[in-house]
Amino acid sequence: MVDKSFSACEFSLLSDKVASIDPILTKIFECLPLRSLVRFEAVSKHWFSLITDPHFSPLLKPRYASGLFLLPFKLQDEPFSCEVDFLPLDGINSQTPPFKRLRSVCESTDVKILHSCNGLLLCSSPRASGGDTDYFVCNPTTKKIVVLCRPADGPYGSWRGIRGLYLAYDPLKSPNYKVVCVWRFAGDLLYKILIYSSETRAWRVSESDEYFYYSSKAHFDKGAYWNGAVHWHCDTDNWFVFQTSIRKS
């Protein structure tokens, strides 16, 4: 009878062989949850380069949401506590949430979630020096944040004209995200759309129109990203829709 068992030495050699074949490694990584992939980034520089490659296939395949972050209800006069509740959707009630308090991620005592999209959070936090606000995108799984730079100088050189900020992120199409900003000129009903790209780390002015006039009241502070566009409801029971993928050559 032939003994088909592997010795410890043979198993180690086989493991090293598998670990050196990129297509096999990639197939293994595809089966792992995102939190495991984040831990495996620290195994070696080679694994890190494979997992963080923008074209890594798990980013392009649909995944069911593992859970929801819920903001506890508070009365108008109650202080904002920065606490969030995590509701698992995969049936694993003992799953440890990525974080319990927003301040554990951004080290601020007053953080607000403005919008969320496919696992990313768009947040705001007042600066310690006062008089201004920082806006940043947070990945709760990796606990990494990206602080948004100010728009370019000119009429968009501060945050005071903002009427709404929204994430546009679809990992099935691209590993990069966009932030859509609705800007209103002071004292007018003239609006403009600004777009931030995580790929360029810069803002640009929307090329769809120079600016637009909108007299009907649109709830630009209450929008949603769906099917490649940001949607806002208007008091006239119509919808204002901005396609994030349209760009002139």
C-alpha atoms as a PDB file:
ATOM      1  CA  MET A   1       0.000   0.000   0.000  1.00  0.00           C
ATOM      2  CA  VAL A   2       1.362   3.388  -0.995  1.00  0.00           C
ATOM      3  CA  ASP A   3       1.394   6.036   1.716  1.00  0.00           C
ATOM      4  CA  LYS A   4      -0.075   9.160   0.129  1.00  0.00           C
ATOM      5  CA  SER A   5       0.300  11.340   3.201  1.00  0.00           C
ATOM      6  CA  PHE A   6       2.640  14.314   3.084  1.00  0.00           C
ATOM      7  CA  SER A   7       5.415  14.909   5.518  1.00  0.00           C
ATOM      8  CA  ALA A   8       5.721  18.329   7.121  1.00  0.00           C
ATOM      9  CA  CYS A   9       8.646  19.130   4.842  1.00  0.00           C
ATOM     10  CA  GLU A  10       6.778  18.081   1.699  1.00  0.00           C
ATOM     11  CA  PHE A  11       3.708  20.060   2.733  1.00  0.00           C
ATOM     12  CA  SER A  12       5.853  23.144   3.312  1.00  0.00           C
ATOM     13  CA  LEU A  13       7.426  22.796  -0.126  1.00  0.00           C
ATOM     14  CA  LEU A  14       3.992  22.379  -1.708  1.00  0.00           C
ATOM     15  CA  SER A  15       2.683  25.475   0.089  1.00  0.00           C
ATOM     16  CA  ASP A  16       5.662  27.508  -1.090  1.00  0.00           C
ATOM     17  CA  LYS A  17       5.036  26.304  -4.639  1.00  0.00           C
ATOM     18  CA  VAL A  18       1.373  27.358  -4.538  1.00  0.00           C
ATOM     19  CA  ALA A  19       2.277  30.707  -2.979  1.00  0.00           C
ATOM     20  CA  SER A  20       4.569  31.448  -5.915  1.00  0.00           C
ATOM     21  CA  ILE A  21       1.915  30.957  -8.609  1.00  0.00           C
ATOM     22  CA  ASP A  22      -0.033  34.185  -9.020  1.00  0.00           C
ATOM     23  CA  PRO A  23      -3.114  32.764 -10.825  1.00  0.00           C
ATOM     24  CA  ILE A  24      -3.657  30.213  -8.033  1.00  0.00           C
ATOM     25  CA  LEU A  25      -3.148  32.835  -5.337  1.00  0.00           C
ATOM     26  CA  THR A  26      -5.617  35.145  -7.041  1.00  0.00           C
ATOM     27  CA  LYS A  27      -8.254  32.402  -7.186  1.00  0.00           C
ATOM     28  CA  ILE A  28      -7.759  31.722  -3.471  1.00  0.00           C
ATOM     29  CA  PHE A  29      -8.013  35.425  -2.650  1.00  0.00           C
ATOM     30  CA  GLU A  30     -11.297  35.624  -4.577  1.00  0.00           C
ATOM     31  CA  CYS A  31     -12.919  33.278  -2.046  1.00  0.00           C
ATOM     32  CA  LEU A  32     -11.888  35.283   1.014  1.00  0.00           C
ATOM     33  CA  PRO A  33     -13.860  38.017   2.775  1.00  0.00           C
ATOM     34  CA  LEU A  34     -12.519  41.541   2.514  1.00  0.00           C
ATOM     35  CA  ARG A  35     -11.404  41.709   6.146  1.00  0.00           C
ATOM     36  CA  SER A  36      -9.204  38.624   5.646  1.00  0.00           C
ATOM     37  CA  LEU A  37      -7.679  40.172   2.540  1.00  0.00           C
ATOM     38  CA  VAL A  38      -6.808  43.281   4.519  1.00  0.00           C
ATOM     39  CA  ARG A  39      -4.916  41.149   7.059  1.00  0.00           C
ATOM     40  CA  PHE A  40      -3.145  39.191   4.316  1.00  0.00           C
ATOM     41  CA  GLU A  41      -1.754  42.409   2.850  1.00  0.00           C
ATOM     42  CA  ALA A  42       0.846  42.296   5.629  1.00  0.00           C
ATOM     43  CA  VAL A  43       2.114  38.793   4.762  1.00  0.00           C
ATOM     44  CA  SER A  44       4.557  39.944   2.093  1.00  0.00           C
ATOM     45  CA  LYS A  45       5.183  42.670  -0.438  1.00  0.00           C
ATOM     46  CA  HIS A  46       4.144  40.275  -3.193  1.00  0.00           C
ATOM     47  CA  TRP A  47       0.784  39.507  -1.585  1.00  0.00           C
ATOM     48  CA  PHE A  48       0.268  43.203  -0.910  1.00  0.00           C
ATOM     49  CA  SER A  49       0.828  44.039  -4.593  1.00  0.00           C
ATOM     50  CA  LEU A  50      -1.641  41.344  -5.707  1.00  0.00           C
ATOM     51  CA  ILE A  51      -4.401  42.320  -3.287  1.00  0.00           C
ATOM     52  CA  THR A  52      -4.082  46.071  -3.825  1.00  0.00           C
ATOM     53  CA  ASP A  53      -3.902  45.826  -7.609  1.00  0.00           C
ATOM     54  CA  PRO A  54      -6.730  48.039  -8.979  1.00  0.00           C
ATOM     55  CA  HIS A  55      -7.750  45.239 -11.328  1.00  0.00           C
ATOM     56  CA  PHE A  56      -7.934  42.561  -8.644  1.00  0.00           C
ATOM     57  CA  SER A  57     -11.014  40.553  -9.617  1.00  0.00           C
ATOM     58  CA  PRO A  58     -12.852  40.440  -6.252  1.00  0.00           C
ATOM     59  CA  LEU A  59     -13.432  44.171  -6.630  1.00  0.00           C
ATOM     60  CA  LEU A  60     -15.243  43.470  -9.890  1.00  0.00           C
ATOM     61  CA  LYS A  61     -17.541  40.721  -8.614  1.00  0.00           C
ATOM     62  CA  PRO A  62     -20.819  41.234  -6.750  1.00  0.00           C
ATOM     63  CA  ARG A  63     -20.723  40.588  -3.021  1.00  0.00           C
ATOM     64  CA  TYR A  64     -23.610  40.561  -0.625  1.00  0.00           C
ATOM     65  CA  ALA A  65     -23.518  43.217   2.059  1.00  0.00           C
ATOM     66  CA  SER A  66     -22.276  41.747   5.339  1.00  0.00           C
ATOM     67  CA  GLY A  67     -24.117  44.301   7.439  1.00  0.00           C
ATOM     68  CA  LEU A  68     -25.496  47.785   7.929  1.00  0.00           C
ATOM     69  CA  PHE A  69     -24.295  50.706  10.032  1.00  0.00           C
ATOM     70  CA  LEU A  70     -27.174  52.340  11.879  1.00  0.00           C
ATOM     71  CA  LEU A  71     -27.131  55.766  13.510  1.00  0.00           C
ATOM     72  CA  PRO A  72     -29.125  55.707  16.779  1.00  0.00           C
ATOM     73  CA  PHE A  73     -32.128  58.013  16.877  1.00  0.00           C
ATOM     74  CA  LYS A  74     -31.616  61.175  18.897  1.00  0.00           C
ATOM     75  CA  LEU A  75     -33.792  64.109  19.821  1.00  0.00           C
ATOM     76  CA  GLN A  76     -33.000  67.513  18.361  1.00  0.00           C
ATOM     77  CA  ASP A  77     -31.475  68.841  21.594  1.00  0.00           C
ATOM     78  CA  GLU A  78     -29.374  65.753  22.314  1.00  0.00           C
ATOM     79  CA  PRO A  79     -25.636  65.935  21.575  1.00  0.00           C
ATOM     80  CA  PHE A  80     -24.263  63.852  18.712  1.00  0.00           C
ATOM     81  CA  SER A  81     -22.485  60.863  20.273  1.00  0.00           C
ATOM     82  CA  CYS A  82     -20.615  59.543  17.179  1.00  0.00           C
ATOM     83  CA  GLU A  83     -21.798  56.034  18.068  1.00  0.00           C
ATOM     84  CA  VAL A  84     -23.033  53.607  15.434  1.00  0.00           C
ATOM     85  CA  ASP A  85     -24.753  50.229  15.644  1.00  0.00           C
ATOM     86  CA  PHE A  86     -23.804  47.362  13.332  1.00  0.00           C
ATOM     87  CA  LEU A  87     -26.538  45.043  12.059  1.00  0.00           C
ATOM     88  CA  PRO A  88     -25.099  41.826  10.495  1.00  0.00           C
ATOM     89  CA  LEU A  89     -26.955  40.537   7.442  1.00  0.00           C
ATOM     90  CA  ASP A  90     -25.062  37.285   6.911  1.00  0.00           C
ATOM     91  CA  GLY A  91     -26.556  35.404   9.862  1.00  0.00           C
ATOM     92  CA  ILE A  92     -23.408  35.636  11.963  1.00  0.00           C
ATOM     93  CA  ASN A  93     -24.669  37.462  15.023  1.00  0.00           C
ATOM     94  CA  SER A  94     -21.315  37.242  16.778  1.00  0.00           C
ATOM     95  CA  GLN A  95     -19.507  39.080  13.986  1.00  0.00           C
ATOM     96  CA  THR A  96     -17.338  41.840  15.372  1.00  0.00           C
ATOM     97  CA  PRO A  97     -18.227  45.206  13.794  1.00  0.00           C
ATOM     98  CA  PRO A  98     -15.386  47.138  12.122  1.00  0.00           C
ATOM     99  CA  PHE A  99     -15.855  49.884  14.706  1.00  0.00           C
ATOM    100  CA  LYS A 100     -18.349  51.068  17.299  1.00  0.00           C
ATOM    101  CA  ARG A 101     -17.569  54.757  17.404  1.00  0.00           C
ATOM    102  CA  LEU A 102     -16.650  56.964  14.468  1.00  0.00           C
ATOM    103  CA  ARG A 103     -14.042  58.766  16.540  1.00  0.00           C
ATOM    104  CA  SER A 104     -12.028  55.536  16.719  1.00  0.00           C
ATOM    105  CA  VAL A 105     -11.477  55.885  12.975  1.00  0.00           C
ATOM    106  CA  CYS A 106     -10.946  59.609  12.481  1.00  0.00           C
ATOM    107  CA  GLU A 107      -9.902  60.698  16.001  1.00  0.00           C
ATOM    108  CA  SER A 108     -12.521  63.430  16.191  1.00  0.00           C
ATOM    109  CA  THR A 109     -15.206  64.024  18.794  1.00  0.00           C
ATOM    110  CA  ASP A 110     -17.859  65.344  16.406  1.00  0.00           C
ATOM    111  CA  VAL A 111     -18.173  63.281  13.237  1.00  0.00           C
ATOM    112  CA  LYS A 112     -21.268  63.138  11.058  1.00  0.00           C
ATOM    113  CA  ILE A 113     -22.041  60.656   8.295  1.00  0.00           C
ATOM    114  CA  LEU A 114     -23.331  62.612   5.302  1.00  0.00           C
ATOM    115  CA  HIS A 115     -23.700  59.778   2.816  1.00  0.00           C
ATOM    116  CA  SER A 116     -22.778  56.133   2.294  1.00  0.00           C
ATOM    117  CA  CYS A 117     -22.307  54.137  -0.878  1.00  0.00           C
ATOM    118  CA  ASN A 118     -21.338  50.471  -1.342  1.00  0.00           C
ATOM    119  CA  GLY A 119     -19.242  50.241   1.818  1.00  0.00           C
ATOM    120  CA  LEU A 120     -17.723  53.736   1.887  1.00  0.00           C
ATOM    121  CA  LEU A 121     -18.746  56.561   4.218  1.00  0.00           C
ATOM    122  CA  LEU A 122     -18.639  60.280   3.436  1.00  0.00           C
ATOM    123  CA  CYS A 123     -18.225  62.193   6.693  1.00  0.00           C
ATOM    124  CA  SER A 124     -17.693  65.709   8.014  1.00  0.00           C
ATOM    125  CA  SER A 125     -15.940  66.964  11.115  1.00  0.00           C
ATOM    126  CA  PRO A 126     -15.287  70.516  12.383  1.00  0.00           C
ATOM    127  CA  ARG A 127     -11.680  71.526  12.704  1.00  0.00           C
ATOM    128  CA  ALA A 128     -10.284  71.897  16.200  1.00  0.00           C
ATOM    129  CA  SER A 129      -9.264  75.479  15.399  1.00  0.00           C
ATOM    130  CA  GLY A 130     -12.874  76.301  14.523  1.00  0.00           C
ATOM    131  CA  GLY A 131     -14.369  78.194  11.619  1.00  0.00           C
ATOM    132  CA  ASP A 132     -14.150  75.440   9.035  1.00  0.00           C
ATOM    133  CA  THR A 133     -15.105  71.837   8.329  1.00  0.00           C
ATOM    134  CA  ASP A 134     -13.161  68.882   7.004  1.00  0.00           C
ATOM    135  CA  TYR A 135     -14.823  66.398   4.672  1.00  0.00           C
ATOM    136  CA  PHE A 136     -13.400  62.923   4.263  1.00  0.00           C
ATOM    137  CA  VAL A 137     -14.139  59.481   2.850  1.00  0.00           C
ATOM    138  CA  CYS A 138     -13.827  56.571   5.265  1.00  0.00           C
ATOM    139  CA  ASN A 139     -13.466  52.864   4.522  1.00  0.00           C
ATOM    140  CA  PRO A 140     -14.789  51.234   7.730  1.00  0.00           C
ATOM    141  CA  THR A 141     -13.261  47.854   6.863  1.00  0.00           C
ATOM    142  CA  THR A 142      -9.698  49.071   6.419  1.00  0.00           C
ATOM    143  CA  LYS A 143     -10.196  52.086   8.739  1.00  0.00           C
ATOM    144  CA  LYS A 144      -8.499  54.279   6.168  1.00  0.00           C
ATOM    145  CA  ILE A 145      -9.633  57.840   5.525  1.00  0.00           C
ATOM    146  CA  VAL A 146      -8.979  60.321   2.730  1.00  0.00           C
ATOM    147  CA  VAL A 147      -9.476  63.992   3.565  1.00  0.00           C
ATOM    148  CA  LEU A 148     -10.937  65.871   0.615  1.00  0.00           C
ATOM    149  CA  CYS A 149      -8.937  68.855  -0.559  1.00  0.00           C
ATOM    150  CA  ARG A 150     -10.677  72.175  -1.086  1.00  0.00           C
ATOM    151  CA  PRO A 151     -11.967  72.982  -4.562  1.00  0.00           C
ATOM    152  CA  ALA A 152      -9.760  75.208  -6.694  1.00  0.00           C
ATOM    153  CA  ASP A 153      -9.479  78.938  -6.080  1.00  0.00           C
ATOM    154  CA  GLY A 154     -12.181  81.222  -7.414  1.00  0.00           C
ATOM    155  CA  PRO A 155     -15.909  81.009  -6.608  1.00  0.00           C
ATOM    156  CA  TYR A 156     -15.404  77.445  -5.348  1.00  0.00           C
ATOM    157  CA  GLY A 157     -12.459  78.219  -3.048  1.00  0.00           C
ATOM    158  CA  SER A 158     -14.318  77.413   0.175  1.00  0.00           C
ATOM    159  CA  TRP A 159     -17.020  75.057   1.437  1.00  0.00           C
ATOM    160  CA  ARG A 160     -19.627  77.749   2.143  1.00  0.00           C
ATOM    161  CA  GLY A 161     -21.593  77.282  -1.074  1.00  0.00           C
ATOM    162  CA  ILE A 162     -22.150  73.558  -0.619  1.00  0.00           C
ATOM    163  CA  ARG A 163     -25.752  72.342  -0.725  1.00  0.00           C
ATOM    164  CA  GLY A 164     -24.969  68.634  -0.794  1.00  0.00           C
ATOM    165  CA  LEU A 165     -22.126  66.103  -1.011  1.00  0.00           C
ATOM    166  CA  TYR A 166     -22.593  62.559  -2.299  1.00  0.00           C
ATOM    167  CA  LEU A 167     -20.479  59.496  -2.944  1.00  0.00           C
ATOM    168  CA  ALA A 168     -20.606  57.790  -6.328  1.00  0.00           C
ATOM    169  CA  TYR A 169     -18.955  54.391  -6.007  1.00  0.00           C
ATOM    170  CA  ASP A 170     -19.593  51.150  -7.856  1.00  0.00           C
ATOM    171  CA  PRO A 171     -16.886  48.501  -7.214  1.00  0.00           C
ATOM    172  CA  LEU A 172     -18.341  46.366 -10.012  1.00  0.00           C
ATOM    173  CA  LYS A 173     -17.196  48.990 -12.510  1.00  0.00           C
ATOM    174  CA  SER A 174     -14.133  50.628 -10.973  1.00  0.00           C
ATOM    175  CA  PRO A 175     -12.073  50.589  -7.762  1.00  0.00           C
ATOM    176  CA  ASN A 176     -12.160  54.409  -7.798  1.00  0.00           C
ATOM    177  CA  TYR A 177     -14.915  56.589  -6.377  1.00  0.00           C
ATOM    178  CA  LYS A 178     -16.205  60.104  -6.999  1.00  0.00           C
ATOM    179  CA  VAL A 179     -17.693  62.750  -4.724  1.00  0.00           C
ATOM    180  CA  VAL A 180     -20.444  64.877  -6.265  1.00  0.00           C
ATOM    181  CA  CYS A 181     -20.835  68.376  -4.824  1.00  0.00           C
ATOM    182  CA  VAL A 182     -23.862  70.605  -5.462  1.00  0.00           C
ATOM    183  CA  TRP A 183     -22.731  74.231  -5.289  1.00  0.00           C
ATOM    184  CA  ARG A 184     -25.077  77.225  -5.040  1.00  0.00           C
ATOM    185  CA  PHE A 185     -23.987  80.749  -5.814  1.00  0.00           C
ATOM    186  CA  ALA A 186     -24.765  83.181  -2.970  1.00  0.00           C
ATOM    187  CA  GLY A 187     -28.143  84.908  -3.265  1.00  0.00           C
ATOM    188  CA  ASP A 188     -29.063  83.185  -6.529  1.00  0.00           C
ATOM    189  CA  LEU A 189     -30.797  80.066  -7.750  1.00  0.00           C
ATOM    190  CA  LEU A 190     -27.762  79.277  -9.877  1.00  0.00           C
ATOM    191  CA  TYR A 191     -26.138  75.923  -9.209  1.00  0.00           C
ATOM    192  CA  LYS A 192     -23.063  74.094 -10.355  1.00  0.00           C
ATOM    193  CA  ILE A 193     -21.862  70.506 -10.007  1.00  0.00           C
ATOM    194  CA  LEU A 194     -18.300  69.828  -8.866  1.00  0.00           C
ATOM    195  CA  ILE A 195     -16.770  66.343  -9.003  1.00  0.00           C
ATOM    196  CA  TYR A 196     -13.924  64.953  -6.909  1.00  0.00           C
ATOM    197  CA  SER A 197     -12.037  61.921  -8.234  1.00  0.00           C
ATOM    198  CA  SER A 198     -10.179  59.512  -5.955  1.00  0.00           C
ATOM    199  CA  GLU A 199      -7.970  58.661  -8.931  1.00  0.00           C
ATOM    200  CA  THR A 200      -6.662  62.220  -9.429  1.00  0.00           C
ATOM    201  CA  ARG A 201      -7.241  63.466  -5.854  1.00  0.00           C
ATOM    202  CA  ALA A 202      -8.595  66.698  -7.346  1.00  0.00           C
ATOM    203  CA  TRP A 203     -11.853  68.511  -8.083  1.00  0.00           C
ATOM    204  CA  ARG A 204     -13.147  69.448 -11.511  1.00  0.00           C
ATOM    205  CA  VAL A 205     -16.167  71.420 -12.664  1.00  0.00           C
ATOM    206  CA  SER A 206     -18.885  69.395 -14.369  1.00  0.00           C
ATOM    207  CA  GLU A 207     -18.728  69.703 -18.134  1.00  0.00           C
ATOM    208  CA  SER A 208     -22.414  68.934 -18.705  1.00  0.00           C
ATOM    209  CA  ASP A 209     -23.436  72.605 -18.335  1.00  0.00           C
ATOM    210  CA  GLU A 210     -21.705  75.859 -17.465  1.00  0.00           C
ATOM    211  CA  TYR A 211     -24.235  76.275 -14.648  1.00  0.00           C
ATOM    212  CA  PHE A 212     -27.942  75.634 -14.229  1.00  0.00           C
ATOM    213  CA  TYR A 213     -30.893  77.584 -12.905  1.00  0.00           C
ATOM    214  CA  TYR A 214     -33.315  75.632 -10.774  1.00  0.00           C
ATOM    215  CA  SER A 215     -36.381  77.379  -9.364  1.00  0.00           C
ATOM    216  CA  SER A 216     -38.238  74.284  -8.161  1.00  0.00           C
ATOM    217  CA  LYS A 217     -37.121  73.245  -4.714  1.00  0.00           C
ATOM    218  CA  ALA A 218     -34.855  70.240  -4.999  1.00  0.00           C
ATOM    219  CA  HIS A 219     -33.726  68.468  -1.844  1.00  0.00           C
ATOM    220  CA  PHE A 220     -30.026  68.605  -2.665  1.00  0.00           C
ATOM    221  CA  ASP A 221     -29.259  67.661   0.936  1.00  0.00           C
ATOM    222  CA  LYS A 222     -31.129  64.355   0.541  1.00  0.00           C
ATOM    223  CA  GLY A 223     -29.924  62.434  -2.476  1.00  0.00           C
ATOM    224  CA  ALA A 224     -29.048  58.865  -3.387  1.00  0.00           C
ATOM    225  CA  TYR A 225     -26.636  57.218  -5.811  1.00  0.00           C
ATOM    226  CA  TRP A 226     -28.154  54.553  -8.037  1.00  0.00           C
ATOM    227  CA  ASN A 227     -27.392  53.094 -11.456  1.00  0.00           C
ATOM    228  CA  GLY A 228     -24.519  55.458 -12.257  1.00  0.00           C
ATOM    229  CA  ALA A 229     -26.282  58.658 -11.234  1.00  0.00           C
ATOM    230  CA  VAL A 230     -27.142  60.779  -8.195  1.00  0.00           C
ATOM    231  CA  HIS A 231     -30.880  61.358  -7.743  1.00  0.00           C
ATOM    232  CA  TRP A 232     -32.588  64.185  -5.834  1.00  0.00           C
ATOM    233  CA  HIS A 233     -36.314  64.466  -5.181  1.00  0.00           C
ATOM    234  CA  CYS A 234     -38.075  67.778  -5.874  1.00  0.00           C
ATOM    235  CA  ASP A 235     -41.202  69.295  -4.348  1.00  0.00           C
ATOM    236  CA  THR A 236     -42.878  69.045  -7.756  1.00  0.00           C
ATOM    237  CA  ASP A 237     -42.728  65.223  -7.499  1.00  0.00           C
ATOM    238  CA  ASN A 238     -40.039  65.217 -10.159  1.00  0.00           C
ATOM    239  CA  TRP A 239     -36.457  64.017  -9.889  1.00  0.00           C
ATOM    240  CA  PHE A 240     -33.243  65.845 -10.630  1.00  0.00           C
ATOM    241  CA  VAL A 241     -30.683  63.336 -11.948  1.00  0.00           C
ATOM    242  CA  PHE A 242     -26.952  63.794 -12.537  1.00  0.00           C
ATOM    243  CA  GLN A 243     -25.041  61.143 -14.488  1.00  0.00           C
ATOM    244  CA  THR A 244     -21.567  60.787 -12.974  1.00  0.00           C
ATOM    245  CA  SER A 245     -20.038  58.891 -15.895  1.00  0.00           C
ATOM    246  CA  ILE A 246     -20.712  61.467 -18.631  1.00  0.00           C
ATOM    247  CA  ARG A 247     -17.665  63.483 -19.627  1.00  0.00           C
ATOM    248  CA  LYS A 248     -16.889  65.306 -22.845  1.00  0.00           C
ATOM    249  CA  SER A 249     -13.694  64.428 -24.688  1.00  0.00           C
END
